[in-house]
Amino acid sequence: MLNHRYIRFLLQKQLQEGLSEEEEMFLQQWYQSMDTMPAEMPPAQQRAAMKEEGWQQLAAIYQQPAPVKHIRRWQRAVWPAAAAVLLLIGLKFFWPKPVVPKPAAWVSLACPVGQRLKMVLPDGSAVWLNSGSSVQYNPDFVHHREFRVRDGEVFFDVAKDAAHPFIVNTKNLAIKVLGTSFNVAAYTKLTREKVTVTTGNVQVLDQQQCNIILGAGQEIVYNSGKTTFSTQMVDAAQSNSWRNGDIYLTNVTLEELALKLENIYGYEIIFTNSKMKQCINSLHFNEKEPVTKVLDLLKLIDKITYTIQNRKITISGQPC
């Protein structure tokens, strides 16, 4: 493509001091190329207005005084050709660009602290959100069954559709299924993510080495900090019993337990000694029970002490 700024320079130079043989050849080639115009042009009225503007811009170049020189025959056509190139330049700025529709935004959903939420998706699948959890799903869900667990814990009961696999993404994992039920725990404040299968089979993948198939009663624990994972047999019913308000926590850290209590009861929990967060516990309680009952259990198990003030629970004690 010819450089339009250089063409303008040559047109001006031609009248002021003349062109070299090379420059005249270049300008002649440019003039001959003006026979080719875009296939699709604006309406006649718009072209006329743009052409007039092109003449005006070109005239401004020639307003400077210049010595009279002998002009060759082909150069007499420079003015209309120059106007044409300015017209082409104008097309770049005034020709309406095609409107590209923006993709529809994913549907977002968040469950408030202290509550649980159940929803039925357009394909018939049912989803439960634990308290404090947030998710997104594809707006065209019937054809693209894609789901994102942004934070928290979610249980899926997936409707069968062999033509459209159901895909759930967390920050670190992708879970692919056709028709099954499973629980996903992926809290952003924790380094461990868990996928527990209740019925059917799921495929779990990460971006590196994880690529396994889980069956009913199997669970994967993925450590994003170390990029490692392990699998184990569990009581799958206990992993999703939170839907009914029963909380089973097996071999969890105090950090994970505290996060559960924050989401269920709405308190902020502070550890005076951060090393306490790694203490391992197994507890069972119902969310209708007061938070003090759970804390009293921890007093017996881990020898902690606690205080409650202004919706804040401060836990003190020694590392395990």
Protein backbone atom coordinates (compact mmCIF):
# COMPACT_ATOMS: atom_id res chain seq x y z
CA MET A 1 0.00 0.00 0.00
CA LEU A 2 1.37 3.46 -0.92
CA ASN A 3 2.24 5.85 1.86
CA HIS A 4 -0.24 8.74 1.58
CA ARG A 5 1.96 11.14 3.56
CA TYR A 6 4.80 10.54 1.12
CA ILE A 7 2.44 11.19 -1.82
CA ARG A 8 1.48 14.54 -0.32
CA PHE A 9 5.14 15.38 0.12
CA LEU A 10 5.89 14.58 -3.54
CA LEU A 11 2.94 16.68 -4.77
CA GLN A 12 4.19 19.66 -2.82
CA LYS A 13 7.81 19.14 -3.82
CA GLN A 14 6.83 18.86 -7.47
CA LEU A 15 5.56 22.46 -7.53
CA GLN A 16 8.28 23.94 -5.35
CA GLU A 17 11.51 22.45 -6.61
CA GLY A 18 10.76 19.60 -8.96
CA LEU A 19 11.16 15.84 -8.59
CA SER A 20 13.94 13.44 -9.34
CA GLU A 21 13.44 10.84 -12.03
CA GLU A 22 12.85 8.20 -9.37
CA GLU A 23 10.27 10.34 -7.58
CA GLU A 24 8.44 11.13 -10.81
CA MET A 25 8.25 7.40 -11.59
CA PHE A 26 6.90 6.70 -8.10
CA LEU A 27 4.25 9.44 -8.46
CA GLN A 28 3.28 8.13 -11.92
CA GLN A 29 2.81 4.61 -10.52
CA TRP A 30 0.65 6.03 -7.75
CA TYR A 31 -1.50 7.90 -10.28
CA GLN A 32 -2.00 4.75 -12.35
CA SER A 33 -3.03 2.82 -9.23
CA MET A 34 -5.93 5.21 -8.66
CA ASP A 35 -7.97 3.26 -11.21
CA THR A 36 -8.65 0.68 -8.48
CA MET A 37 -11.29 1.68 -5.95
CA PRO A 38 -13.04 -0.24 -3.15
CA ALA A 39 -15.90 -2.47 -4.20
CA GLU A 40 -18.24 -1.15 -1.52
CA MET A 41 -18.52 2.63 -1.28
CA PRO A 42 -20.62 5.01 0.82
CA PRO A 43 -23.78 6.61 -0.64
CA ALA A 44 -23.28 9.15 -3.44
CA GLN A 45 -24.12 12.11 -1.20
CA GLN A 46 -21.50 11.09 1.39
CA ARG A 47 -18.89 10.45 -1.34
CA ALA A 48 -19.50 13.92 -2.78
CA ALA A 49 -19.08 15.55 0.63
CA MET A 50 -15.88 13.61 1.31
CA LYS A 51 -14.56 14.44 -2.15
CA GLU A 52 -15.16 18.12 -1.56
CA GLU A 53 -13.33 17.86 1.75
CA GLY A 54 -10.47 16.12 -0.07
CA TRP A 55 -10.23 18.97 -2.59
CA GLN A 56 -10.10 21.49 0.22
CA GLN A 57 -7.33 19.64 2.03
CA LEU A 58 -5.35 19.29 -1.18
CA ALA A 59 -5.83 22.97 -2.05
CA ALA A 60 -4.26 23.92 1.29
CA ILE A 61 -1.06 22.18 0.17
CA TYR A 62 -0.87 24.23 -3.03
CA GLN A 63 -1.57 27.63 -1.45
CA GLN A 64 2.16 28.23 -0.96
CA PRO A 65 3.80 30.20 -3.81
CA ALA A 66 5.99 28.13 -6.11
CA PRO A 67 8.01 28.79 -9.24
CA VAL A 68 6.29 28.10 -12.54
CA LYS A 69 7.58 24.92 -14.08
CA HIS A 70 6.81 22.93 -17.16
CA ILE A 71 4.21 20.31 -16.22
CA ARG A 72 4.02 17.10 -18.13
CA ARG A 73 0.77 15.81 -19.53
CA TRP A 74 0.28 13.06 -16.96
CA GLN A 75 0.84 15.52 -14.13
CA ARG A 76 -2.26 17.49 -15.15
CA ALA A 77 -4.31 14.66 -13.68
CA VAL A 78 -2.66 14.96 -10.28
CA TRP A 79 -5.38 17.07 -8.75
CA PRO A 80 -8.29 14.68 -9.31
CA ALA A 81 -6.08 11.74 -8.42
CA ALA A 82 -4.94 13.44 -5.22
CA ALA A 83 -8.54 14.19 -4.31
CA ALA A 84 -9.32 10.53 -4.87
CA VAL A 85 -6.59 9.38 -2.51
CA LEU A 86 -7.82 11.80 0.13
CA LEU A 87 -11.26 10.35 -0.42
CA LEU A 88 -9.85 6.90 0.25
CA ILE A 89 -8.13 8.18 3.39
CA GLY A 90 -11.42 9.68 4.50
CA LEU A 91 -13.17 6.37 3.99
CA LYS A 92 -10.95 4.87 6.65
CA PHE A 93 -12.35 7.28 9.23
CA PHE A 94 -15.93 7.78 8.05
CA TRP A 95 -16.89 4.40 6.63
CA PRO A 96 -19.11 2.77 9.27
CA LYS A 97 -17.38 -0.16 10.94
CA PRO A 98 -19.36 -3.40 11.29
CA VAL A 99 -20.94 -3.79 14.70
CA VAL A 100 -19.62 -6.93 16.39
CA PRO A 101 -22.06 -8.12 19.07
CA LYS A 102 -20.47 -8.56 22.47
CA PRO A 103 -20.74 -12.04 23.98
CA ALA A 104 -23.42 -12.24 26.64
CA ALA A 105 -22.12 -11.93 30.18
CA TRP A 106 -22.10 -15.03 32.34
CA VAL A 107 -24.87 -15.27 34.89
CA SER A 108 -23.56 -14.66 38.42
CA LEU A 109 -25.12 -15.94 41.62
CA ALA A 110 -24.05 -15.52 45.26
CA CYS A 111 -25.44 -17.08 48.43
CA PRO A 112 -25.45 -14.75 51.47
CA VAL A 113 -23.70 -15.72 54.67
CA GLY A 114 -25.92 -17.75 56.98
CA GLN A 115 -28.14 -19.07 54.17
CA ARG A 116 -28.26 -21.88 51.61
CA LEU A 117 -29.54 -21.62 48.07
CA LYS A 118 -30.95 -24.14 45.60
CA MET A 119 -31.47 -23.43 41.92
CA VAL A 120 -32.58 -25.45 38.89
CA LEU A 121 -30.65 -24.75 35.68
CA PRO A 122 -32.25 -24.56 32.21
CA ASP A 123 -31.13 -28.12 31.39
CA GLY A 124 -32.87 -29.53 34.49
CA SER A 125 -29.73 -29.89 36.61
CA ALA A 126 -30.05 -28.87 40.26
CA VAL A 127 -27.40 -26.88 42.13
CA TRP A 128 -27.07 -26.12 45.84
CA LEU A 129 -24.89 -23.27 47.11
CA ASN A 130 -23.52 -23.35 50.63
CA SER A 131 -23.48 -20.15 52.67
CA GLY A 132 -21.03 -17.53 51.43
CA SER A 133 -20.53 -19.25 48.06
CA SER A 134 -20.57 -17.64 44.60
CA VAL A 135 -20.83 -19.14 41.11
CA GLN A 136 -21.26 -18.26 37.43
CA TYR A 137 -22.79 -20.18 34.52
CA ASN A 138 -22.95 -19.77 30.75
CA PRO A 139 -26.03 -17.78 29.62
CA ASP A 140 -26.61 -20.28 26.78
CA PHE A 141 -26.63 -23.13 29.25
CA VAL A 142 -28.77 -25.53 27.23
CA HIS A 143 -26.05 -25.73 24.56
CA HIS A 144 -22.99 -24.88 26.65
CA ARG A 145 -23.26 -26.49 30.07
CA GLU A 146 -20.38 -24.62 31.67
CA PHE A 147 -20.20 -23.63 35.31
CA ARG A 148 -17.65 -21.77 37.45
CA VAL A 149 -17.28 -22.12 41.20
CA ARG A 150 -15.72 -18.80 42.09
CA ASP A 151 -15.68 -19.34 45.84
CA GLY A 152 -17.18 -21.71 48.40
CA GLU A 153 -18.95 -25.06 48.26
CA VAL A 154 -21.49 -26.29 45.71
CA PHE A 155 -23.36 -29.56 45.19
CA PHE A 156 -24.38 -30.56 41.64
CA ASP A 157 -27.06 -33.02 40.57
CA VAL A 158 -26.46 -33.09 36.82
CA ALA A 159 -29.14 -34.02 34.28
CA LYS A 160 -27.94 -36.50 31.66
CA ASP A 161 -27.24 -35.12 28.19
CA ALA A 162 -24.68 -37.09 26.20
CA ALA A 163 -24.50 -34.41 23.50
CA HIS A 164 -23.57 -31.66 25.96
CA PRO A 165 -21.04 -32.56 28.67
CA PHE A 166 -21.37 -30.68 31.95
CA ILE A 167 -18.16 -28.81 32.86
CA VAL A 168 -17.38 -27.22 36.21
CA ASN A 169 -14.30 -25.05 36.62
CA THR A 170 -12.69 -23.92 39.85
CA LYS A 171 -9.57 -21.80 40.15
CA ASN A 172 -7.37 -24.89 39.72
CA LEU A 173 -9.50 -27.77 38.46
CA ALA A 174 -11.86 -28.74 35.65
CA ILE A 175 -14.55 -31.35 36.34
CA LYS A 176 -16.25 -33.00 33.35
CA VAL A 177 -19.38 -35.15 33.62
CA LEU A 178 -22.36 -36.36 31.59
CA GLY A 179 -24.85 -37.15 34.33
CA THR A 180 -23.96 -37.56 37.99
CA SER A 181 -23.99 -35.87 41.40
CA PHE A 182 -20.95 -34.53 43.22
CA ASN A 183 -19.77 -31.94 45.72
CA VAL A 184 -17.13 -29.26 45.04
CA ALA A 185 -15.39 -27.33 47.83
CA ALA A 186 -13.14 -24.59 46.46
CA TYR A 187 -12.69 -21.75 48.92
CA THR A 188 -10.36 -19.00 47.74
CA LYS A 189 -8.96 -18.56 51.26
CA LEU A 190 -7.81 -22.20 51.36
CA THR A 191 -5.11 -23.97 49.37
CA ARG A 192 -7.04 -27.26 49.24
CA GLU A 193 -9.89 -28.02 46.84
CA LYS A 194 -12.09 -31.10 47.16
CA VAL A 195 -14.31 -32.96 44.70
CA THR A 196 -16.48 -35.74 46.17
CA VAL A 197 -18.63 -37.98 43.95
CA THR A 198 -22.01 -39.19 45.19
CA THR A 199 -23.28 -40.98 42.07
CA GLY A 200 -21.85 -41.69 38.63
CA ASN A 201 -18.35 -40.75 37.48
CA VAL A 202 -16.46 -37.51 36.96
CA GLN A 203 -13.17 -36.64 35.30
CA VAL A 204 -10.95 -34.21 37.20
CA LEU A 205 -8.09 -32.34 35.52
CA ASP A 206 -5.67 -29.57 36.33
CA GLN A 207 -3.26 -27.76 34.01
CA GLN A 208 -0.35 -30.07 34.77
CA GLN A 209 -0.39 -33.69 35.93
CA CYS A 210 -3.85 -34.36 37.37
CA ASN A 211 -6.18 -36.35 35.09
CA ILE A 212 -8.21 -38.97 36.93
CA ILE A 213 -11.65 -40.56 36.92
CA LEU A 214 -13.55 -40.64 40.21
CA GLY A 215 -16.46 -42.98 40.97
CA ALA A 216 -19.16 -42.91 43.63
CA GLY A 217 -17.74 -42.58 47.15
CA GLN A 218 -14.37 -41.30 45.94
CA GLU A 219 -12.86 -37.92 46.77
CA ILE A 220 -9.88 -35.98 45.46
CA VAL A 221 -8.05 -33.49 47.68
CA TYR A 222 -6.02 -31.07 45.55
CA ASN A 223 -3.31 -28.90 47.12
CA SER A 224 -2.87 -25.85 44.89
CA GLY A 225 0.10 -24.60 46.91
CA LYS A 226 2.13 -27.74 46.17
CA THR A 227 0.32 -28.79 42.96
CA THR A 228 -0.24 -32.25 44.43
CA PHE A 229 -3.34 -34.36 44.96
CA SER A 230 -4.54 -37.50 46.70
CA THR A 231 -7.68 -39.63 46.46
CA GLN A 232 -9.58 -41.49 49.15
CA MET A 233 -12.82 -43.33 49.86
CA VAL A 234 -15.30 -41.30 51.91
CA ASP A 235 -18.90 -41.24 53.04
CA ALA A 236 -20.22 -39.15 50.17
CA ALA A 237 -23.54 -38.50 51.89
CA GLN A 238 -21.75 -36.70 54.70
CA SER A 239 -19.89 -34.46 52.27
CA ASN A 240 -23.13 -32.90 51.02
CA SER A 241 -25.28 -33.19 54.17
CA TRP A 242 -24.72 -29.45 54.67
CA ARG A 243 -27.70 -29.04 52.33
CA ASN A 244 -29.86 -30.13 55.28
CA GLY A 245 -27.93 -28.15 57.89
CA ASP A 246 -25.80 -31.08 59.14
CA ILE A 247 -22.10 -30.32 59.06
CA TYR A 248 -19.59 -33.19 58.94
CA LEU A 249 -15.95 -32.13 58.98
CA THR A 250 -13.42 -34.96 58.80
CA ASN A 251 -9.69 -34.34 59.22
CA VAL A 252 -9.93 -30.63 58.47
CA THR A 253 -7.64 -27.87 59.67
CA LEU A 254 -8.75 -25.27 62.18
CA GLU A 255 -8.40 -22.76 59.35
CA GLU A 256 -11.03 -24.59 57.28
CA LEU A 257 -13.27 -25.07 60.30
CA ALA A 258 -13.06 -21.35 61.12
CA LEU A 259 -14.03 -20.48 57.55
CA LYS A 260 -17.09 -22.73 57.82
CA LEU A 261 -18.12 -21.08 61.09
CA GLU A 262 -17.68 -17.60 59.58
CA ASN A 263 -19.97 -18.47 56.66
CA ILE A 264 -22.61 -20.21 58.77
CA TYR A 265 -22.80 -17.86 61.76
CA GLY A 266 -21.53 -14.59 60.31
CA TYR A 267 -18.66 -14.03 62.75
CA GLU A 268 -15.11 -13.00 61.96
CA ILE A 269 -12.62 -15.42 63.53
CA ILE A 270 -9.13 -14.30 64.53
CA PHE A 271 -6.26 -16.55 65.65
CA THR A 272 -3.76 -15.01 68.04
CA ASN A 273 -1.26 -17.67 66.93
CA SER A 274 -1.39 -18.39 63.18
CA LYS A 275 0.28 -21.79 63.66
CA MET A 276 -2.92 -23.00 65.34
CA LYS A 277 -4.66 -22.92 61.96
CA GLN A 278 -2.96 -26.18 60.97
CA CYS A 279 -4.41 -28.23 63.87
CA ILE A 280 -6.46 -31.14 62.49
CA ASN A 281 -9.97 -31.86 63.78
CA SER A 282 -13.07 -33.92 63.02
CA LEU A 283 -16.42 -32.50 64.11
CA HIS A 284 -20.13 -32.98 63.55
CA PHE A 285 -22.68 -30.31 64.41
CA ASN A 286 -25.92 -28.78 63.17
CA GLU A 287 -26.06 -25.20 61.99
CA LYS A 288 -29.05 -24.54 64.26
CA GLU A 289 -26.82 -25.06 67.27
CA PRO A 290 -25.13 -21.95 68.70
CA VAL A 291 -21.57 -21.24 67.67
CA THR A 292 -20.51 -21.42 71.32
CA LYS A 293 -21.29 -25.15 71.35
CA VAL A 294 -18.79 -25.75 68.54
CA LEU A 295 -16.19 -23.58 70.26
CA ASP A 296 -16.69 -25.46 73.52
CA LEU A 297 -15.93 -28.71 71.66
CA LEU A 298 -12.68 -27.17 70.43
CA LYS A 299 -11.84 -26.23 74.02
CA LEU A 300 -11.97 -29.92 74.92
CA ILE A 301 -10.13 -31.16 71.82
CA ASP A 302 -7.46 -28.53 71.21
CA LYS A 303 -7.36 -26.80 74.61
CA ILE A 304 -8.18 -23.44 73.08
CA THR A 305 -9.67 -20.38 74.75
CA TYR A 306 -11.92 -17.90 73.02
CA THR A 307 -13.62 -14.56 73.46
CA ILE A 308 -16.56 -13.08 71.55
CA GLN A 309 -16.97 -9.35 71.10
CA ASN A 310 -18.67 -7.26 68.37
CA ARG A 311 -19.23 -10.24 66.06
CA LYS A 312 -15.56 -11.20 66.34
CA ILE A 313 -14.30 -14.45 67.83
CA THR A 314 -10.70 -14.45 69.04
CA ILE A 315 -9.17 -17.91 69.48
CA SER A 316 -6.01 -18.39 71.51
CA GLY A 317 -3.93 -21.45 72.29
CA GLN A 318 -0.80 -23.40 71.47
CA PRO A 319 0.07 -24.98 68.11
CA CYS A 320 -0.80 -28.67 67.81
